PDB file of N, CA and C in Angstrom:
ATOM      1  N   MET A   1     -56.704 177.832 -49.123  1.00  0.00           N
ATOM      2  CA  MET A   1     -55.987 178.913 -48.477  1.00  0.00           C
ATOM      3  C   MET A   1     -55.632 178.481 -47.049  1.00  0.00           C
ATOM      4  N   PRO A   2     -54.381 178.622 -46.667  1.00  0.00           N
ATOM      5  CA  PRO A   2     -53.971 178.222 -45.319  1.00  0.00           C
ATOM      6  C   PRO A   2     -54.435 179.225 -44.257  1.00  0.00           C
ATOM      7  N   PRO A   3     -54.388 178.823 -42.990  1.00  0.00           N
ATOM      8  CA  PRO A   3     -54.732 179.761 -41.911  1.00  0.00           C
ATOM      9  C   PRO A   3     -53.775 180.958 -41.924  1.00  0.00           C
ATOM     10  N   PRO A   4     -54.195 182.093 -41.380  1.00  0.00           N
ATOM     11  CA  PRO A   4     -53.312 183.259 -41.318  1.00  0.00           C
ATOM     12  C   PRO A   4     -52.019 182.946 -40.572  1.00  0.00           C
ATOM     13  N   ASP A   5     -50.955 183.579 -40.993  1.00  0.00           N
ATOM     14  CA  ASP A   5     -49.638 183.368 -40.396  1.00  0.00           C
ATOM     15  C   ASP A   5     -49.231 184.635 -39.655  1.00  0.00           C
ATOM     16  N   PHE A   6     -49.174 184.560 -38.342  1.00  0.00           N
ATOM     17  CA  PHE A   6     -48.792 185.693 -37.512  1.00  0.00           C
ATOM     18  C   PHE A   6     -47.374 185.528 -36.964  1.00  0.00           C
ATOM     19  N   ASP A   7     -46.591 184.638 -37.543  1.00  0.00           N
ATOM     20  CA  ASP A   7     -45.247 184.336 -37.031  1.00  0.00           C
ATOM     21  C   ASP A   7     -44.336 185.560 -36.957  1.00  0.00           C
ATOM     22  N   ASP A   8     -44.443 186.475 -37.889  1.00  0.00           N
ATOM     23  CA  ASP A   8     -43.551 187.637 -37.925  1.00  0.00           C
ATOM     24  C   ASP A   8     -44.054 188.837 -37.116  1.00  0.00           C
ATOM     25  N   TYR A   9     -45.216 188.695 -36.496  1.00  0.00           N
ATOM     26  CA  TYR A   9     -45.764 189.787 -35.697  1.00  0.00           C
ATOM     27  C   TYR A   9     -45.234 189.704 -34.270  1.00  0.00           C
ATOM     28  N   PRO A  10     -44.879 190.830 -33.675  1.00  0.00           N
ATOM     29  CA  PRO A  10     -44.410 190.823 -32.277  1.00  0.00           C
ATOM     30  C   PRO A  10     -45.602 190.766 -31.317  1.00  0.00           C
ATOM     31  N   LEU A  11     -46.206 189.610 -31.222  1.00  0.00           N
ATOM     32  CA  LEU A  11     -47.438 189.469 -30.444  1.00  0.00           C
ATOM     33  C   LEU A  11     -47.264 189.818 -28.974  1.00  0.00           C
ATOM     34  N   ASP A  12     -46.064 189.687 -28.458  1.00  0.00           N
ATOM     35  CA  ASP A  12     -45.814 190.033 -27.060  1.00  0.00           C
ATOM     36  C   ASP A  12     -45.764 191.544 -26.841  1.00  0.00           C
ATOM     37  N   LYS A  13     -45.765 192.321 -27.923  1.00  0.00           N
ATOM     38  CA  LYS A  13     -45.693 193.780 -27.807  1.00  0.00           C
ATOM     39  C   LYS A  13     -47.013 194.465 -28.148  1.00  0.00           C
ATOM     40  N   TYR A  14     -48.076 193.685 -28.331  1.00  0.00           N
ATOM     41  CA  TYR A  14     -49.381 194.288 -28.589  1.00  0.00           C
ATOM     42  C   TYR A  14     -49.819 195.062 -27.362  1.00  0.00           C
ATOM     43  N   TYR A  15     -50.480 196.189 -27.597  1.00  0.00           N
ATOM     44  CA  TYR A  15     -50.961 196.979 -26.472  1.00  0.00           C
ATOM     45  C   TYR A  15     -52.199 196.326 -25.862  1.00  0.00           C
ATOM     46  N   GLY A  16     -52.482 196.687 -24.634  1.00  0.00           N
ATOM     47  CA  GLY A  16     -53.654 196.151 -23.944  1.00  0.00           C
ATOM     48  C   GLY A  16     -53.321 194.886 -23.174  1.00  0.00           C
ATOM     49  N   ARG A  17     -54.280 194.449 -22.404  1.00  0.00           N
ATOM     50  CA  ARG A  17     -54.084 193.273 -21.560  1.00  0.00           C
ATOM     51  C   ARG A  17     -54.332 191.968 -22.298  1.00  0.00           C
ATOM     52  N   GLU A  18     -55.135 192.029 -23.335  1.00  0.00           N
ATOM     53  CA  GLU A  18     -55.508 190.806 -24.039  1.00  0.00           C
ATOM     54  C   GLU A  18     -54.833 190.740 -25.405  1.00  0.00           C
ATOM     55  N   LYS A  19     -54.391 189.555 -25.762  1.00  0.00           N
ATOM     56  CA  LYS A  19     -53.830 189.345 -27.086  1.00  0.00           C
ATOM     57  C   LYS A  19     -54.990 188.969 -28.013  1.00  0.00           C
ATOM     58  N   LYS A  20     -55.245 189.804 -29.039  1.00  0.00           N
ATOM     59  CA  LYS A  20     -56.358 189.596 -29.949  1.00  0.00           C
ATOM     60  C   LYS A  20     -55.818 189.399 -31.361  1.00  0.00           C
ATOM     61  N   LEU A  21     -56.315 188.383 -32.039  1.00  0.00           N
ATOM     62  CA  LEU A  21     -55.958 188.154 -33.431  1.00  0.00           C
ATOM     63  C   LEU A  21     -57.232 188.148 -34.267  1.00  0.00           C
ATOM     64  N   THR A  22     -57.122 188.593 -35.504  1.00  0.00           N
ATOM     65  CA  THR A  22     -58.284 188.745 -36.364  1.00  0.00           C
ATOM     66  C   THR A  22     -58.239 187.758 -37.520  1.00  0.00           C
ATOM     67  N   LEU A  23     -59.385 187.226 -37.852  1.00  0.00           N
ATOM     68  CA  LEU A  23     -59.545 186.282 -38.948  1.00  0.00           C
ATOM     69  C   LEU A  23     -60.643 186.808 -39.870  1.00  0.00           C
ATOM     70  N   LEU A  24     -60.386 186.824 -41.170  1.00  0.00           N
ATOM     71  CA  LEU A  24     -61.391 187.261 -42.135  1.00  0.00           C
ATOM     72  C   LEU A  24     -62.312 186.110 -42.507  1.00  0.00           C
ATOM     73  N   GLY A  25     -63.610 186.403 -42.581  1.00  0.00           N
ATOM     74  CA  GLY A  25     -64.584 185.402 -42.988  1.00  0.00           C
ATOM     75  C   GLY A  25     -64.920 185.471 -44.460  1.00  0.00           C
ATOM     76  N   SER A  26     -64.637 186.612 -45.087  1.00  0.00           N
ATOM     77  CA  SER A  26     -64.898 186.781 -46.515  1.00  0.00           C
ATOM     78  C   SER A  26     -64.111 187.984 -47.018  1.00  0.00           C
ATOM     79  N   TRP A  27     -64.196 188.181 -48.303  1.00  0.00           N
ATOM     80  CA  TRP A  27     -63.543 189.316 -48.950  1.00  0.00           C
ATOM     81  C   TRP A  27     -64.566 189.974 -49.843  1.00  0.00           C
ATOM     82  N   GLY A  28     -64.614 191.296 -49.823  1.00  0.00           N
ATOM     83  CA  GLY A  28     -65.574 192.003 -50.664  1.00  0.00           C
ATOM     84  C   GLY A  28     -66.936 192.090 -49.999  1.00  0.00           C
ATOM     85  N   CYS A  29     -67.941 192.386 -50.802  1.00  0.00           N
ATOM     86  CA  CYS A  29     -69.295 192.557 -50.290  1.00  0.00           C
ATOM     87  C   CYS A  29     -70.285 192.066 -51.341  1.00  0.00           C
ATOM     88  N   TYR A  30     -71.309 191.324 -50.899  1.00  0.00           N
ATOM     89  CA  TYR A  30     -72.256 190.803 -51.865  1.00  0.00           C
ATOM     90  C   TYR A  30     -73.283 191.827 -52.325  1.00  0.00           C
ATOM     91  N   TRP A  31     -73.391 192.975 -51.635  1.00  0.00           N
ATOM     92  CA  TRP A  31     -74.282 194.018 -52.126  1.00  0.00           C
ATOM     93  C   TRP A  31     -73.569 194.813 -53.210  1.00  0.00           C
ATOM     94  N   GLY A  32     -72.419 195.385 -52.851  1.00  0.00           N
ATOM     95  CA  GLY A  32     -71.612 196.116 -53.818  1.00  0.00           C
ATOM     96  C   GLY A  32     -72.266 197.331 -54.444  1.00  0.00           C
ATOM     97  N   GLU A  33     -73.239 197.928 -53.743  1.00  0.00           N
ATOM     98  CA  GLU A  33     -73.953 199.064 -54.330  1.00  0.00           C
ATOM     99  C   GLU A  33     -73.924 200.324 -53.476  1.00  0.00           C
ATOM    100  N   CYS A  34     -73.353 200.274 -52.307  1.00  0.00           N
ATOM    101  CA  CYS A  34     -73.375 201.427 -51.404  1.00  0.00           C
ATOM    102  C   CYS A  34     -72.323 202.449 -51.839  1.00  0.00           C
ATOM    103  N   SER A  35     -72.757 203.642 -52.173  1.00  0.00           N
ATOM    104  CA  SER A  35     -71.842 204.664 -52.680  1.00  0.00           C
ATOM    105  C   SER A  35     -70.884 205.174 -51.607  1.00  0.00           C
ATOM    106  N   PHE A  36     -71.221 205.032 -50.327  1.00  0.00           N
ATOM    107  CA  PHE A  36     -70.388 205.544 -49.247  1.00  0.00           C
ATOM    108  C   PHE A  36     -69.311 204.562 -48.788  1.00  0.00           C
ATOM    109  N   CYS A  37     -69.332 203.341 -49.291  1.00  0.00           N
ATOM    110  CA  CYS A  37     -68.513 202.271 -48.740  1.00  0.00           C
ATOM    111  C   CYS A  37     -67.111 202.198 -49.354  1.00  0.00           C
ATOM    112  N   ASN A  38     -66.097 202.029 -48.491  1.00  0.00           N
ATOM    113  CA  ASN A  38     -64.719 201.865 -48.958  1.00  0.00           C
ATOM    114  C   ASN A  38     -64.417 200.453 -49.422  1.00  0.00           C
ATOM    115  N   VAL A  39     -65.170 199.475 -48.948  1.00  0.00           N
ATOM    116  CA  VAL A  39     -64.915 198.077 -49.306  1.00  0.00           C
ATOM    117  C   VAL A  39     -64.957 197.907 -50.816  1.00  0.00           C
ATOM    118  N   ARG A  40     -65.910 198.520 -51.419  1.00  0.00           N
ATOM    119  CA  ARG A  40     -66.076 198.427 -52.873  1.00  0.00           C
ATOM    120  C   ARG A  40     -64.841 198.937 -53.612  1.00  0.00           C
ATOM    121  N   ARG A  41     -64.298 200.040 -53.165  1.00  0.00           N
ATOM    122  CA  ARG A  41     -63.114 200.618 -53.825  1.00  0.00           C
ATOM    123  C   ARG A  41     -61.846 199.833 -53.508  1.00  0.00           C
ATOM    124  N   LEU A  42     -61.719 199.344 -52.274  1.00  0.00           N
ATOM    125  CA  LEU A  42     -60.506 198.651 -51.862  1.00  0.00           C
ATOM    126  C   LEU A  42     -60.469 197.190 -52.284  1.00  0.00           C
ATOM    127  N   GLU A  43     -61.579 196.517 -52.152  1.00  0.00           N
ATOM    128  CA  GLU A  43     -61.612 195.080 -52.386  1.00  0.00           C
ATOM    129  C   GLU A  43     -62.338 194.692 -53.664  1.00  0.00           C
ATOM    130  N   GLY A  44     -63.076 195.618 -54.255  1.00  0.00           N
ATOM    131  CA  GLY A  44     -63.886 195.274 -55.412  1.00  0.00           C
ATOM    132  C   GLY A  44     -65.238 194.751 -54.984  1.00  0.00           C
ATOM    133  N   VAL A  45     -66.126 194.603 -55.935  1.00  0.00           N
ATOM    134  CA  VAL A  45     -67.490 194.193 -55.598  1.00  0.00           C
ATOM    135  C   VAL A  45     -67.656 192.680 -55.565  1.00  0.00           C
ATOM    136  N   ARG A  46     -66.688 191.950 -56.043  1.00  0.00           N
ATOM    137  CA  ARG A  46     -66.814 190.492 -56.051  1.00  0.00           C
ATOM    138  C   ARG A  46     -66.734 189.949 -54.619  1.00  0.00           C
ATOM    139  N   TYR A  47     -67.762 189.267 -54.206  1.00  0.00           N
ATOM    140  CA  TYR A  47     -67.844 188.707 -52.868  1.00  0.00           C
ATOM    141  C   TYR A  47     -67.245 187.315 -52.867  1.00  0.00           C
ATOM    142  N   LYS A  48     -66.304 187.072 -51.971  1.00  0.00           N
ATOM    143  CA  LYS A  48     -65.637 185.776 -51.882  1.00  0.00           C
ATOM    144  C   LYS A  48     -65.740 185.257 -50.452  1.00  0.00           C
ATOM    145  N   PRO A  49     -66.808 184.529 -50.153  1.00  0.00           N
ATOM    146  CA  PRO A  49     -66.949 183.988 -48.798  1.00  0.00           C
ATOM    147  C   PRO A  49     -66.076 182.759 -48.592  1.00  0.00           C
ATOM    148  N   ARG A  50     -65.677 182.545 -47.360  1.00  0.00           N
ATOM    149  CA  ARG A  50     -64.944 181.330 -46.999  1.00  0.00           C
ATOM    150  C   ARG A  50     -65.937 180.344 -46.424  1.00  0.00           C
ATOM    151  N   LYS A  51     -65.662 179.076 -46.558  1.00  0.00           N
ATOM    152  CA  LYS A  51     -66.547 178.049 -46.033  1.00  0.00           C
ATOM    153  C   LYS A  51     -66.511 178.078 -44.508  1.00  0.00           C
ATOM    154  N   PRO A  52     -67.661 177.886 -43.867  1.00  0.00           N
ATOM    155  CA  PRO A  52     -67.701 177.883 -42.400  1.00  0.00           C
ATOM    156  C   PRO A  52     -66.727 176.881 -41.785  1.00  0.00           C
ATOM    157  N   GLU A  53     -66.582 175.720 -42.420  1.00  0.00           N
ATOM    158  CA  GLU A  53     -65.662 174.702 -41.912  1.00  0.00           C
ATOM    159  C   GLU A  53     -64.223 175.221 -41.890  1.00  0.00           C
ATOM    160  N   GLN A  54     -63.853 175.968 -42.925  1.00  0.00           N
ATOM    161  CA  GLN A  54     -62.500 176.510 -43.007  1.00  0.00           C
ATOM    162  C   GLN A  54     -62.289 177.616 -41.977  1.00  0.00           C
ATOM    163  N   ILE A  55     -63.301 178.425 -41.757  1.00  0.00           N
ATOM    164  CA  ILE A  55     -63.210 179.489 -40.757  1.00  0.00           C
ATOM    165  C   ILE A  55     -62.976 178.883 -39.367  1.00  0.00           C
ATOM    166  N   VAL A  56     -63.752 177.860 -39.027  1.00  0.00           N
ATOM    167  CA  VAL A  56     -63.607 177.211 -37.717  1.00  0.00           C
ATOM    168  C   VAL A  56     -62.247 176.520 -37.611  1.00  0.00           C
ATOM    169  N   HIS A  57     -61.822 175.873 -38.677  1.00  0.00           N
ATOM    170  CA  HIS A  57     -60.499 175.234 -38.686  1.00  0.00           C
ATOM    171  C   HIS A  57     -59.406 176.269 -38.424  1.00  0.00           C
ATOM    172  N   ASP A  58     -59.470 177.394 -39.131  1.00  0.00           N
ATOM    173  CA  ASP A  58     -58.463 178.433 -38.954  1.00  0.00           C
ATOM    174  C   ASP A  58     -58.494 179.024 -37.548  1.00  0.00           C
ATOM    175  N   MET A  59     -59.691 179.190 -36.988  1.00  0.00           N
ATOM    176  CA  MET A  59     -59.798 179.675 -35.599  1.00  0.00           C
ATOM    177  C   MET A  59     -59.090 178.705 -34.648  1.00  0.00           C
ATOM    178  N   THR A  60     -59.293 177.423 -34.867  1.00  0.00           N
ATOM    179  CA  THR A  60     -58.678 176.400 -34.020  1.00  0.00           C
ATOM    180  C   THR A  60     -57.159 176.419 -34.150  1.00  0.00           C
ATOM    181  N   VAL A  61     -56.677 176.528 -35.381  1.00  0.00           N
ATOM    182  CA  VAL A  61     -55.223 176.574 -35.608  1.00  0.00           C
ATOM    183  C   VAL A  61     -54.619 177.798 -34.942  1.00  0.00           C
ATOM    184  N   ILE A  62     -55.246 178.957 -35.122  1.00  0.00           N
ATOM    185  CA  ILE A  62     -54.749 180.195 -34.516  1.00  0.00           C
ATOM    186  C   ILE A  62     -54.728 180.065 -32.995  1.00  0.00           C
ATOM    187  N   LYS A  63     -55.801 179.534 -32.438  1.00  0.00           N
ATOM    188  CA  LYS A  63     -55.899 179.384 -30.980  1.00  0.00           C
ATOM    189  C   LYS A  63     -54.797 178.478 -30.439  1.00  0.00           C
ATOM    190  N   GLU A  64     -54.557 177.362 -31.109  1.00  0.00           N
ATOM    191  CA  GLU A  64     -53.553 176.406 -30.639  1.00  0.00           C
ATOM    192  C   GLU A  64     -52.120 176.914 -30.860  1.00  0.00           C
ATOM    193  N   LYS A  65     -51.873 177.560 -31.975  1.00  0.00           N
ATOM    194  CA  LYS A  65     -50.511 177.979 -32.318  1.00  0.00           C
ATOM    195  C   LYS A  65     -50.064 179.243 -31.590  1.00  0.00           C
ATOM    196  N   TYR A  66     -50.949 180.250 -31.512  1.00  0.00           N
ATOM    197  CA  TYR A  66     -50.551 181.552 -30.986  1.00  0.00           C
ATOM    198  C   TYR A  66     -51.104 181.834 -29.586  1.00  0.00           C
ATOM    199  N   LYS A  67     -52.049 181.040 -29.123  1.00  0.00           N
ATOM    200  CA  LYS A  67     -52.632 181.171 -27.785  1.00  0.00           C
ATOM    201  C   LYS A  67     -53.161 182.584 -27.489  1.00  0.00           C
ATOM    202  N   PRO A  68     -53.965 183.133 -28.399  1.00  0.00           N
ATOM    203  CA  PRO A  68     -54.523 184.461 -28.120  1.00  0.00           C
ATOM    204  C   PRO A  68     -55.639 184.380 -27.083  1.00  0.00           C
ATOM    205  N   ASP A  69     -55.926 185.499 -26.462  1.00  0.00           N
ATOM    206  CA  ASP A  69     -57.062 185.563 -25.555  1.00  0.00           C
ATOM    207  C   ASP A  69     -58.371 185.612 -26.346  1.00  0.00           C
ATOM    208  N   ILE A  70     -58.304 186.250 -27.515  1.00  0.00           N
ATOM    209  CA  ILE A  70     -59.496 186.433 -28.351  1.00  0.00           C
ATOM    210  C   ILE A  70     -59.119 186.218 -29.813  1.00  0.00           C
ATOM    211  N   VAL A  71     -59.959 185.467 -30.535  1.00  0.00           N
ATOM    212  CA  VAL A  71     -59.861 185.398 -31.990  1.00  0.00           C
ATOM    213  C   VAL A  71     -61.104 186.110 -32.506  1.00  0.00           C
ATOM    214  N   ARG A  72     -60.874 187.215 -33.188  1.00  0.00           N
ATOM    215  CA  ARG A  72     -61.975 188.061 -33.655  1.00  0.00           C
ATOM    216  C   ARG A  72     -62.277 187.730 -35.115  1.00  0.00           C
ATOM    217  N   LEU A  73     -63.543 187.455 -35.413  1.00  0.00           N
ATOM    218  CA  LEU A  73     -63.968 187.218 -36.782  1.00  0.00           C
ATOM    219  C   LEU A  73     -64.386 188.554 -37.371  1.00  0.00           C
ATOM    220  N   ALA A  74     -63.657 188.993 -38.385  1.00  0.00           N
ATOM    221  CA  ALA A  74     -63.962 190.262 -39.048  1.00  0.00           C
ATOM    222  C   ALA A  74     -64.600 189.954 -40.391  1.00  0.00           C
ATOM    223  N   ASP A  75     -65.745 190.526 -40.626  1.00  0.00           N
ATOM    224  CA  ASP A  75     -66.440 190.276 -41.877  1.00  0.00           C
ATOM    225  C   ASP A  75     -67.381 191.428 -42.165  1.00  0.00           C
ATOM    226  N   ASN A  76     -67.337 191.931 -43.369  1.00  0.00           N
ATOM    227  CA  ASN A  76     -68.191 193.053 -43.748  1.00  0.00           C
ATOM    228  C   ASN A  76     -69.625 192.640 -44.060  1.00  0.00           C
ATOM    229  N   ALA A  77     -69.818 191.400 -44.449  1.00  0.00           N
ATOM    230  CA  ALA A  77     -71.152 190.998 -44.887  1.00  0.00           C
ATOM    231  C   ALA A  77     -71.388 189.505 -44.715  1.00  0.00           C
ATOM    232  N   ILE A  78     -71.118 188.974 -43.551  1.00  0.00           N
ATOM    233  CA  ILE A  78     -71.314 187.538 -43.346  1.00  0.00           C
ATOM    234  C   ILE A  78     -72.811 187.238 -43.281  1.00  0.00           C
ATOM    235  N   SER A  79     -73.200 186.141 -43.873  1.00  0.00           N
ATOM    236  CA  SER A  79     -74.621 185.797 -43.896  1.00  0.00           C
ATOM    237  C   SER A  79     -75.020 185.123 -42.576  1.00  0.00           C
ATOM    238  N   PHE A  80     -76.291 185.207 -42.275  1.00  0.00           N
ATOM    239  CA  PHE A  80     -76.815 184.590 -41.065  1.00  0.00           C
ATOM    240  C   PHE A  80     -76.602 183.080 -41.106  1.00  0.00           C
ATOM    241  N   SER A  81     -76.842 182.467 -42.265  1.00  0.00           N
ATOM    242  CA  SER A  81     -76.691 181.010 -42.368  1.00  0.00           C
ATOM    243  C   SER A  81     -75.242 180.584 -42.127  1.00  0.00           C
ATOM    244  N   THR A  82     -74.283 181.385 -42.561  1.00  0.00           N
ATOM    245  CA  THR A  82     -72.878 181.079 -42.298  1.00  0.00           C
ATOM    246  C   THR A  82     -72.574 181.159 -40.818  1.00  0.00           C
ATOM    247  N   MET A  83     -73.097 182.173 -40.145  1.00  0.00           N
ATOM    248  CA  MET A  83     -72.883 182.294 -38.694  1.00  0.00           C
ATOM    249  C   MET A  83     -73.489 181.117 -37.944  1.00  0.00           C
ATOM    250  N   VAL A  84     -74.663 180.665 -38.369  1.00  0.00           N
ATOM    251  CA  VAL A  84     -75.296 179.513 -37.725  1.00  0.00           C
ATOM    252  C   VAL A  84     -74.432 178.268 -37.919  1.00  0.00           C
ATOM    253  N   LYS A  85     -73.881 178.091 -39.107  1.00  0.00           N
ATOM    254  CA  LYS A  85     -73.023 176.932 -39.368  1.00  0.00           C
ATOM    255  C   LYS A  85     -71.746 177.004 -38.529  1.00  0.00           C
ATOM    256  N   ILE A  86     -71.155 178.183 -38.431  1.00  0.00           N
ATOM    257  CA  ILE A  86     -69.949 178.354 -37.613  1.00  0.00           C
ATOM    258  C   ILE A  86     -70.259 177.997 -36.154  1.00  0.00           C
ATOM    259  N   ALA A  87     -71.373 178.506 -35.655  1.00  0.00           N
ATOM    260  CA  ALA A  87     -71.751 178.233 -34.268  1.00  0.00           C
ATOM    261  C   ALA A  87     -72.001 176.745 -34.030  1.00  0.00           C
ATOM    262  N   SER A  88     -72.493 176.060 -35.033  1.00  0.00           N
ATOM    263  CA  SER A  88     -72.782 174.625 -34.855  1.00  0.00           C
ATOM    264  C   SER A  88     -71.499 173.797 -34.723  1.00  0.00           C
ATOM    265  N   PHE A  89     -70.396 174.309 -35.250  1.00  0.00           N
ATOM    266  CA  PHE A  89     -69.109 173.608 -35.149  1.00  0.00           C
ATOM    267  C   PHE A  89     -68.425 173.858 -33.813  1.00  0.00           C
ATOM    268  N   LEU A  90     -68.762 174.950 -33.140  1.00  0.00           N
ATOM    269  CA  LEU A  90     -68.060 175.330 -31.902  1.00  0.00           C
ATOM    270  C   LEU A  90     -68.662 174.688 -30.685  1.00  0.00           C
TER     271      LEU A  90
END
């Protein structure tokens, strides 16, 4: 899967002082049992994590291409071991 493509977004018209872009670390949830959660209904219960190496690569591509002030990692259920691996690459 390639890095996210923000080419068609009017990034110069985002509100606020900082340009922030979001990157997903996974899709779905590995618990998949919470009755109150929308993730289960919207994304399904199948958890699809991305490799830490790919997440860091995509962060780097986004940073170099779009020059955001912040790249936000959005994830509903990222594991501790994945976060440690991501941090080791940075």
